[in-house]
Amino acid sequence: MSNAPGSSPASPVCSAKACRADAVWVLAWNNPKLHTPERRKTWLACEEHREHLSQFLAVRGFLKDVVSLDAWEASRPAEPGGR
């Protein structure tokens, strides 16, 4: 059994290219040219890539919110029949 970051199938990983570290942040964003104002797409980020990914989205005017993964999951409704 591997103890590498992201090794568990249930362990969300960072969205940065080639990064396999465990995600600890959720970057909520939308592209106003494509999405309705209330729609939120998400990228996940490890501690190392949070600032870089946030800046990438912010410079394009897409970034809406950055929250911890724990807080994001706590705010989401439970999946039917799920955990």
PDB file of N, CA and C in Angstrom:
ATOM      1  N   MET A   1       0.843  -1.184   0.000  1.00  0.00           N
ATOM      2  CA  MET A   1       0.000   0.000   0.000  1.00  0.00           C
ATOM      3  C   MET A   1       0.884   1.241   0.000  1.00  0.00           C
ATOM      4  N   SER A   2       0.568   2.175  -0.852  1.00  0.00           N
ATOM      5  CA  SER A   2       1.361   3.391  -0.988  1.00  0.00           C
ATOM      6  C   SER A   2       0.840   4.492  -0.073  1.00  0.00           C
ATOM      7  N   ASN A   3       1.763   5.259   0.496  1.00  0.00           N
ATOM      8  CA  ASN A   3       1.389   6.408   1.312  1.00  0.00           C
ATOM      9  C   ASN A   3       1.640   7.711   0.573  1.00  0.00           C
ATOM     10  N   ALA A   4       1.840   7.641  -0.730  1.00  0.00           N
ATOM     11  CA  ALA A   4       2.114   8.841  -1.529  1.00  0.00           C
ATOM     12  C   ALA A   4       0.888   9.736  -1.556  1.00  0.00           C
ATOM     13  N   PRO A   5       1.111  11.082  -1.647  1.00  0.00           N
ATOM     14  CA  PRO A   5      -0.029  11.987  -1.751  1.00  0.00           C
ATOM     15  C   PRO A   5      -0.918  11.609  -2.924  1.00  0.00           C
ATOM     16  N   GLY A   6      -2.219  11.660  -2.697  1.00  0.00           N
ATOM     17  CA  GLY A   6      -3.164  11.354  -3.761  1.00  0.00           C
ATOM     18  C   GLY A   6      -3.282   9.869  -4.069  1.00  0.00           C
ATOM     19  N   SER A   7      -2.651   9.008  -3.241  1.00  0.00           N
ATOM     20  CA  SER A   7      -2.650   7.585  -3.551  1.00  0.00           C
ATOM     21  C   SER A   7      -3.994   6.917  -3.288  1.00  0.00           C
ATOM     22  N   SER A   8      -4.791   7.489  -2.422  1.00  0.00           N
ATOM     23  CA  SER A   8      -6.109   6.929  -2.153  1.00  0.00           C
ATOM     24  C   SER A   8      -7.061   7.360  -3.256  1.00  0.00           C
ATOM     25  N   PRO A   9      -7.902   6.454  -3.779  1.00  0.00           N
ATOM     26  CA  PRO A   9      -8.833   6.835  -4.836  1.00  0.00           C
ATOM     27  C   PRO A   9      -9.795   7.934  -4.387  1.00  0.00           C
ATOM     28  N   ALA A  10     -10.050   8.044  -3.081  1.00  0.00           N
ATOM     29  CA  ALA A  10     -10.970   9.050  -2.561  1.00  0.00           C
ATOM     30  C   ALA A  10     -10.253  10.360  -2.241  1.00  0.00           C
ATOM     31  N   SER A  11      -8.961  10.400  -2.440  1.00  0.00           N
ATOM     32  CA  SER A  11      -8.152  11.556  -2.087  1.00  0.00           C
ATOM     33  C   SER A  11      -8.080  12.531  -3.261  1.00  0.00           C
ATOM     34  N   PRO A  12      -8.737  13.697  -3.172  1.00  0.00           N
ATOM     35  CA  PRO A  12      -8.677  14.661  -4.283  1.00  0.00           C
ATOM     36  C   PRO A  12      -7.258  15.192  -4.462  1.00  0.00           C
ATOM     37  N   VAL A  13      -6.847  15.362  -5.710  1.00  0.00           N
ATOM     38  CA  VAL A  13      -5.495  15.835  -5.987  1.00  0.00           C
ATOM     39  C   VAL A  13      -5.520  17.223  -6.620  1.00  0.00           C
ATOM     40  N   CYS A  14      -4.426  17.897  -6.507  1.00  0.00           N
ATOM     41  CA  CYS A  14      -4.237  19.248  -7.035  1.00  0.00           C
ATOM     42  C   CYS A  14      -4.451  19.271  -8.552  1.00  0.00           C
ATOM     43  N   SER A  15      -5.040  20.362  -9.037  1.00  0.00           N
ATOM     44  CA  SER A  15      -5.306  20.522 -10.468  1.00  0.00           C
ATOM     45  C   SER A  15      -4.114  21.067 -11.258  1.00  0.00           C
ATOM     46  N   ALA A  16      -3.044  21.464 -10.569  1.00  0.00           N
ATOM     47  CA  ALA A  16      -1.863  21.981 -11.275  1.00  0.00           C
ATOM     48  C   ALA A  16      -1.261  20.880 -12.139  1.00  0.00           C
ATOM     49  N   LYS A  17      -0.783  21.274 -13.303  1.00  0.00           N
ATOM     50  CA  LYS A  17      -0.216  20.325 -14.252  1.00  0.00           C
ATOM     51  C   LYS A  17       0.895  19.496 -13.600  1.00  0.00           C
ATOM     52  N   ALA A  18       0.764  18.175 -13.711  1.00  0.00           N
ATOM     53  CA  ALA A  18       1.732  17.189 -13.229  1.00  0.00           C
ATOM     54  C   ALA A  18       1.831  17.103 -11.707  1.00  0.00           C
ATOM     55  N   CYS A  19       1.009  17.814 -10.973  1.00  0.00           N
ATOM     56  CA  CYS A  19       1.042  17.736  -9.507  1.00  0.00           C
ATOM     57  C   CYS A  19       0.103  16.620  -9.060  1.00  0.00           C
ATOM     58  N   ARG A  20       0.568  15.772  -8.179  1.00  0.00           N
ATOM     59  CA  ARG A  20      -0.246  14.668  -7.649  1.00  0.00           C
ATOM     60  C   ARG A  20      -0.438  14.819  -6.141  1.00  0.00           C
ATOM     61  N   ALA A  21      -0.132  15.992  -5.598  1.00  0.00           N
ATOM     62  CA  ALA A  21      -0.265  16.226  -4.155  1.00  0.00           C
ATOM     63  C   ALA A  21      -1.745  16.301  -3.764  1.00  0.00           C
ATOM     64  N   ASP A  22      -2.015  15.977  -2.513  1.00  0.00           N
ATOM     65  CA  ASP A  22      -3.373  16.076  -2.003  1.00  0.00           C
ATOM     66  C   ASP A  22      -3.856  17.518  -2.069  1.00  0.00           C
ATOM     67  N   ALA A  23      -5.069  17.701  -2.516  1.00  0.00           N
ATOM     68  CA  ALA A  23      -5.680  19.028  -2.567  1.00  0.00           C
ATOM     69  C   ALA A  23      -6.141  19.424  -1.173  1.00  0.00           C
ATOM     70  N   VAL A  24      -5.947  20.702  -0.841  1.00  0.00           N
ATOM     71  CA  VAL A  24      -6.447  21.232   0.428  1.00  0.00           C
ATOM     72  C   VAL A  24      -7.272  22.496   0.218  1.00  0.00           C
ATOM     73  N   TRP A  25      -7.298  23.008  -1.014  1.00  0.00           N
ATOM     74  CA  TRP A  25      -8.041  24.227  -1.349  1.00  0.00           C
ATOM     75  C   TRP A  25      -8.955  23.991  -2.539  1.00  0.00           C
ATOM     76  N   VAL A  26     -10.080  24.694  -2.562  1.00  0.00           N
ATOM     77  CA  VAL A  26     -10.993  24.708  -3.706  1.00  0.00           C
ATOM     78  C   VAL A  26     -11.021  26.126  -4.245  1.00  0.00           C
ATOM     79  N   LEU A  27     -10.746  26.265  -5.537  1.00  0.00           N
ATOM     80  CA  LEU A  27     -10.821  27.557  -6.213  1.00  0.00           C
ATOM     81  C   LEU A  27     -12.089  27.539  -7.058  1.00  0.00           C
ATOM     82  N   ALA A  28     -13.068  28.317  -6.633  1.00  0.00           N
ATOM     83  CA  ALA A  28     -14.345  28.373  -7.351  1.00  0.00           C
ATOM     84  C   ALA A  28     -14.260  29.501  -8.370  1.00  0.00           C
ATOM     85  N   TRP A  29     -14.673  29.224  -9.601  1.00  0.00           N
ATOM     86  CA  TRP A  29     -14.541  30.205 -10.674  1.00  0.00           C
ATOM     87  C   TRP A  29     -15.657  30.034 -11.680  1.00  0.00           C
ATOM     88  N   ASN A  30     -15.781  31.023 -12.547  1.00  0.00           N
ATOM     89  CA  ASN A  30     -16.611  30.875 -13.733  1.00  0.00           C
ATOM     90  C   ASN A  30     -16.122  31.833 -14.804  1.00  0.00           C
ATOM     91  N   ASN A  31     -16.417  31.482 -16.027  1.00  0.00           N
ATOM     92  CA  ASN A  31     -16.095  32.325 -17.170  1.00  0.00           C
ATOM     93  C   ASN A  31     -17.392  33.040 -17.538  1.00  0.00           C
ATOM     94  N   PRO A  32     -17.476  34.356 -17.307  1.00  0.00           N
ATOM     95  CA  PRO A  32     -18.729  35.066 -17.547  1.00  0.00           C
ATOM     96  C   PRO A  32     -19.194  35.039 -19.005  1.00  0.00           C
ATOM     97  N   LYS A  33     -18.294  34.726 -19.925  1.00  0.00           N
ATOM     98  CA  LYS A  33     -18.696  34.623 -21.331  1.00  0.00           C
ATOM     99  C   LYS A  33     -19.392  33.293 -21.621  1.00  0.00           C
ATOM    100  N   LEU A  34     -19.191  32.306 -20.748  1.00  0.00           N
ATOM    101  CA  LEU A  34     -19.752  30.978 -20.967  1.00  0.00           C
ATOM    102  C   LEU A  34     -20.763  30.538 -19.923  1.00  0.00           C
ATOM    103  N   HIS A  35     -20.635  31.032 -18.701  1.00  0.00           N
ATOM    104  CA  HIS A  35     -21.434  30.529 -17.585  1.00  0.00           C
ATOM    105  C   HIS A  35     -22.354  31.598 -17.015  1.00  0.00           C
ATOM    106  N   THR A  36     -23.478  31.154 -16.481  1.00  0.00           N
ATOM    107  CA  THR A  36     -24.370  32.074 -15.778  1.00  0.00           C
ATOM    108  C   THR A  36     -23.650  32.550 -14.512  1.00  0.00           C
ATOM    109  N   PRO A  37     -24.012  33.719 -13.985  1.00  0.00           N
ATOM    110  CA  PRO A  37     -23.297  34.276 -12.819  1.00  0.00           C
ATOM    111  C   PRO A  37     -23.242  33.360 -11.599  1.00  0.00           C
ATOM    112  N   GLU A  38     -24.271  32.556 -11.370  1.00  0.00           N
ATOM    113  CA  GLU A  38     -24.283  31.698 -10.183  1.00  0.00           C
ATOM    114  C   GLU A  38     -23.515  30.381 -10.362  1.00  0.00           C
ATOM    115  N   ARG A  39     -23.168  30.029 -11.584  1.00  0.00           N
ATOM    116  CA  ARG A  39     -22.457  28.767 -11.857  1.00  0.00           C
ATOM    117  C   ARG A  39     -21.043  28.836 -11.302  1.00  0.00           C
ATOM    118  N   ARG A  40     -20.604  27.758 -10.688  1.00  0.00           N
ATOM    119  CA  ARG A  40     -19.242  27.671 -10.170  1.00  0.00           C
ATOM    120  C   ARG A  40     -18.578  26.401 -10.660  1.00  0.00           C
ATOM    121  N   LYS A  41     -17.482  26.573 -11.364  1.00  0.00           N
ATOM    122  CA  LYS A  41     -16.601  25.477 -11.728  1.00  0.00           C
ATOM    123  C   LYS A  41     -15.540  25.451 -10.630  1.00  0.00           C
ATOM    124  N   THR A  42     -14.820  24.349 -10.486  1.00  0.00           N
ATOM    125  CA  THR A  42     -13.820  24.283  -9.431  1.00  0.00           C
ATOM    126  C   THR A  42     -12.510  23.685  -9.919  1.00  0.00           C
ATOM    127  N   TRP A  43     -11.454  24.215  -9.363  1.00  0.00           N
ATOM    128  CA  TRP A  43     -10.129  23.616  -9.453  1.00  0.00           C
ATOM    129  C   TRP A  43      -9.723  23.305  -8.037  1.00  0.00           C
ATOM    130  N   LEU A  44      -8.935  22.275  -7.873  1.00  0.00           N
ATOM    131  CA  LEU A  44      -8.398  21.919  -6.568  1.00  0.00           C
ATOM    132  C   LEU A  44      -6.929  22.308  -6.523  1.00  0.00           C
ATOM    133  N   ALA A  45      -6.458  22.673  -5.338  1.00  0.00           N
ATOM    134  CA  ALA A  45      -5.058  23.090  -5.217  1.00  0.00           C
ATOM    135  C   ALA A  45      -4.438  22.559  -3.935  1.00  0.00           C
ATOM    136  N   CYS A  46      -3.177  22.192  -4.047  1.00  0.00           N
ATOM    137  CA  CYS A  46      -2.384  21.871  -2.863  1.00  0.00           C
ATOM    138  C   CYS A  46      -1.886  23.207  -2.308  1.00  0.00           C
ATOM    139  N   GLU A  47      -1.246  23.151  -1.168  1.00  0.00           N
ATOM    140  CA  GLU A  47      -0.743  24.389  -0.543  1.00  0.00           C
ATOM    141  C   GLU A  47       0.254  25.095  -1.469  1.00  0.00           C
ATOM    142  N   GLU A  48       1.116  24.332  -2.118  1.00  0.00           N
ATOM    143  CA  GLU A  48       2.158  24.902  -2.978  1.00  0.00           C
ATOM    144  C   GLU A  48       1.588  25.641  -4.197  1.00  0.00           C
ATOM    145  N   HIS A  49       0.493  25.146  -4.776  1.00  0.00           N
ATOM    146  CA  HIS A  49      -0.026  25.716  -6.023  1.00  0.00           C
ATOM    147  C   HIS A  49      -1.226  26.643  -5.862  1.00  0.00           C
ATOM    148  N   ARG A  50      -1.715  26.826  -4.646  1.00  0.00           N
ATOM    149  CA  ARG A  50      -2.907  27.663  -4.423  1.00  0.00           C
ATOM    150  C   ARG A  50      -2.727  29.066  -4.988  1.00  0.00           C
ATOM    151  N   GLU A  51      -1.638  29.714  -4.674  1.00  0.00           N
ATOM    152  CA  GLU A  51      -1.432  31.094  -5.122  1.00  0.00           C
ATOM    153  C   GLU A  51      -1.294  31.177  -6.643  1.00  0.00           C
ATOM    154  N   HIS A  52      -0.525  30.280  -7.237  1.00  0.00           N
ATOM    155  CA  HIS A  52      -0.320  30.294  -8.692  1.00  0.00           C
ATOM    156  C   HIS A  52      -1.639  30.098  -9.440  1.00  0.00           C
ATOM    157  N   LEU A  53      -2.410  29.083  -9.040  1.00  0.00           N
ATOM    158  CA  LEU A  53      -3.680  28.831  -9.721  1.00  0.00           C
ATOM    159  C   LEU A  53      -4.676  29.964  -9.479  1.00  0.00           C
ATOM    160  N   SER A  54      -4.677  30.524  -8.279  1.00  0.00           N
ATOM    161  CA  SER A  54      -5.557  31.667  -7.975  1.00  0.00           C
ATOM    162  C   SER A  54      -5.223  32.859  -8.864  1.00  0.00           C
ATOM    163  N   GLN A  55      -3.939  33.152  -9.010  1.00  0.00           N
ATOM    164  CA  GLN A  55      -3.522  34.277  -9.851  1.00  0.00           C
ATOM    165  C   GLN A  55      -3.896  34.040 -11.312  1.00  0.00           C
ATOM    166  N   PHE A  56      -3.731  32.820 -11.791  1.00  0.00           N
ATOM    167  CA  PHE A  56      -4.083  32.482 -13.167  1.00  0.00           C
ATOM    168  C   PHE A  56      -5.552  32.803 -13.431  1.00  0.00           C
ATOM    169  N   LEU A  57      -6.432  32.396 -12.514  1.00  0.00           N
ATOM    170  CA  LEU A  57      -7.862  32.661 -12.675  1.00  0.00           C
ATOM    171  C   LEU A  57      -8.196  34.130 -12.447  1.00  0.00           C
ATOM    172  N   ALA A  58      -7.570  34.746 -11.467  1.00  0.00           N
ATOM    173  CA  ALA A  58      -7.881  36.137 -11.122  1.00  0.00           C
ATOM    174  C   ALA A  58      -7.514  37.101 -12.248  1.00  0.00           C
ATOM    175  N   VAL A  59      -6.394  36.888 -12.891  1.00  0.00           N
ATOM    176  CA  VAL A  59      -5.957  37.791 -13.956  1.00  0.00           C
ATOM    177  C   VAL A  59      -6.933  37.777 -15.130  1.00  0.00           C
ATOM    178  N   ARG A  60      -7.692  36.703 -15.275  1.00  0.00           N
ATOM    179  CA  ARG A  60      -8.699  36.588 -16.335  1.00  0.00           C
ATOM    180  C   ARG A  60     -10.080  37.026 -15.863  1.00  0.00           C
ATOM    181  N   GLY A  61     -10.190  37.367 -14.565  1.00  0.00           N
ATOM    182  CA  GLY A  61     -11.468  37.793 -14.013  1.00  0.00           C
ATOM    183  C   GLY A  61     -12.406  36.626 -13.737  1.00  0.00           C
ATOM    184  N   PHE A  62     -11.861  35.416 -13.610  1.00  0.00           N
ATOM    185  CA  PHE A  62     -12.677  34.220 -13.416  1.00  0.00           C
ATOM    186  C   PHE A  62     -12.829  33.820 -11.947  1.00  0.00           C
ATOM    187  N   LEU A  63     -11.844  34.131 -11.112  1.00  0.00           N
ATOM    188  CA  LEU A  63     -11.834  33.656  -9.729  1.00  0.00           C
ATOM    189  C   LEU A  63     -12.951  34.289  -8.916  1.00  0.00           C
ATOM    190  N   LYS A  64     -13.739  33.449  -8.244  1.00  0.00           N
ATOM    191  CA  LYS A  64     -14.849  33.919  -7.419  1.00  0.00           C
ATOM    192  C   LYS A  64     -14.600  33.698  -5.940  1.00  0.00           C
ATOM    193  N   ASP A  65     -13.934  32.587  -5.578  1.00  0.00           N
ATOM    194  CA  ASP A  65     -13.734  32.282  -4.168  1.00  0.00           C
ATOM    195  C   ASP A  65     -12.638  31.239  -4.005  1.00  0.00           C
ATOM    196  N   VAL A  66     -11.939  31.290  -2.876  1.00  0.00           N
ATOM    197  CA  VAL A  66     -10.956  30.278  -2.501  1.00  0.00           C
ATOM    198  C   VAL A  66     -11.307  29.842  -1.083  1.00  0.00           C
ATOM    199  N   VAL A  67     -11.614  28.560  -0.919  1.00  0.00           N
ATOM    200  CA  VAL A  67     -11.979  28.035   0.398  1.00  0.00           C
ATOM    201  C   VAL A  67     -11.258  26.711   0.640  1.00  0.00           C
ATOM    202  N   SER A  68     -11.119  26.365   1.899  1.00  0.00           N
ATOM    203  CA  SER A  68     -10.488  25.076   2.206  1.00  0.00           C
ATOM    204  C   SER A  68     -11.374  23.952   1.678  1.00  0.00           C
ATOM    205  N   LEU A  69     -10.754  22.860   1.321  1.00  0.00           N
ATOM    206  CA  LEU A  69     -11.498  21.698   0.816  1.00  0.00           C
ATOM    207  C   LEU A  69     -12.487  21.207   1.877  1.00  0.00           C
ATOM    208  N   ASP A  70     -12.067  21.208   3.138  1.00  0.00           N
ATOM    209  CA  ASP A  70     -12.958  20.770   4.218  1.00  0.00           C
ATOM    210  C   ASP A  70     -14.201  21.648   4.300  1.00  0.00           C
ATOM    211  N   ALA A  71     -14.021  22.969   4.231  1.00  0.00           N
ATOM    212  CA  ALA A  71     -15.163  23.893   4.298  1.00  0.00           C
ATOM    213  C   ALA A  71     -16.064  23.721   3.077  1.00  0.00           C
ATOM    214  N   TRP A  72     -15.473  23.538   1.901  1.00  0.00           N
ATOM    215  CA  TRP A  72     -16.251  23.346   0.671  1.00  0.00           C
ATOM    216  C   TRP A  72     -17.120  22.090   0.780  1.00  0.00           C
ATOM    217  N   GLU A  73     -16.505  20.985   1.201  1.00  0.00           N
ATOM    218  CA  GLU A  73     -17.248  19.735   1.319  1.00  0.00           C
ATOM    219  C   GLU A  73     -18.336  19.828   2.383  1.00  0.00           C
ATOM    220  N   ALA A  74     -18.075  20.551   3.458  1.00  0.00           N
ATOM    221  CA  ALA A  74     -19.069  20.713   4.521  1.00  0.00           C
ATOM    222  C   ALA A  74     -20.262  21.535   4.049  1.00  0.00           C
ATOM    223  N   SER A  75     -20.046  22.414   3.067  1.00  0.00           N
ATOM    224  CA  SER A  75     -21.125  23.280   2.581  1.00  0.00           C
ATOM    225  C   SER A  75     -21.948  22.646   1.473  1.00  0.00           C
ATOM    226  N   ARG A  76     -21.510  21.522   0.952  1.00  0.00           N
ATOM    227  CA  ARG A  76     -22.202  20.852  -0.157  1.00  0.00           C
ATOM    228  C   ARG A  76     -23.258  19.899   0.396  1.00  0.00           C
ATOM    229  N   PRO A  77     -24.401  19.788  -0.284  1.00  0.00           N
ATOM    230  CA  PRO A  77     -25.408  18.807   0.150  1.00  0.00           C
ATOM    231  C   PRO A  77     -24.864  17.383  -0.012  1.00  0.00           C
ATOM    232  N   ALA A  78     -25.274  16.497   0.848  1.00  0.00           N
ATOM    233  CA  ALA A  78     -24.852  15.099   0.770  1.00  0.00           C
ATOM    234  C   ALA A  78     -25.401  14.466  -0.491  1.00  0.00           C
ATOM    235  N   GLU A  79     -24.611  13.563  -1.088  1.00  0.00           N
ATOM    236  CA  GLU A  79     -25.058  12.854  -2.286  1.00  0.00           C
ATOM    237  C   GLU A  79     -26.103  11.816  -1.902  1.00  0.00           C
ATOM    238  N   PRO A  80     -27.150  11.672  -2.713  1.00  0.00           N
ATOM    239  CA  PRO A  80     -28.167  10.657  -2.412  1.00  0.00           C
ATOM    240  C   PRO A  80     -27.542   9.261  -2.343  1.00  0.00           C
ATOM    241  N   GLY A  81     -27.832   8.561  -1.274  1.00  0.00           N
ATOM    242  CA  GLY A  81     -27.312   7.204  -1.106  1.00  0.00           C
ATOM    243  C   GLY A  81     -25.827   7.160  -0.807  1.00  0.00           C
ATOM    244  N   GLY A  82     -25.230   8.338  -0.642  1.00  0.00           N
ATOM    245  CA  GLY A  82     -23.785   8.409  -0.397  1.00  0.00           C
ATOM    246  C   GLY A  82     -23.456   8.398   1.064  1.00  0.00           C
ATOM    247  N   ARG A  83     -22.241   8.802   1.360  1.00  0.00           N
ATOM    248  CA  ARG A  83     -21.712   8.779   2.711  1.00  0.00           C
ATOM    249  C   ARG A  83     -22.376   9.751   3.627  1.00  0.00           C
TER     250      ARG A  83
END
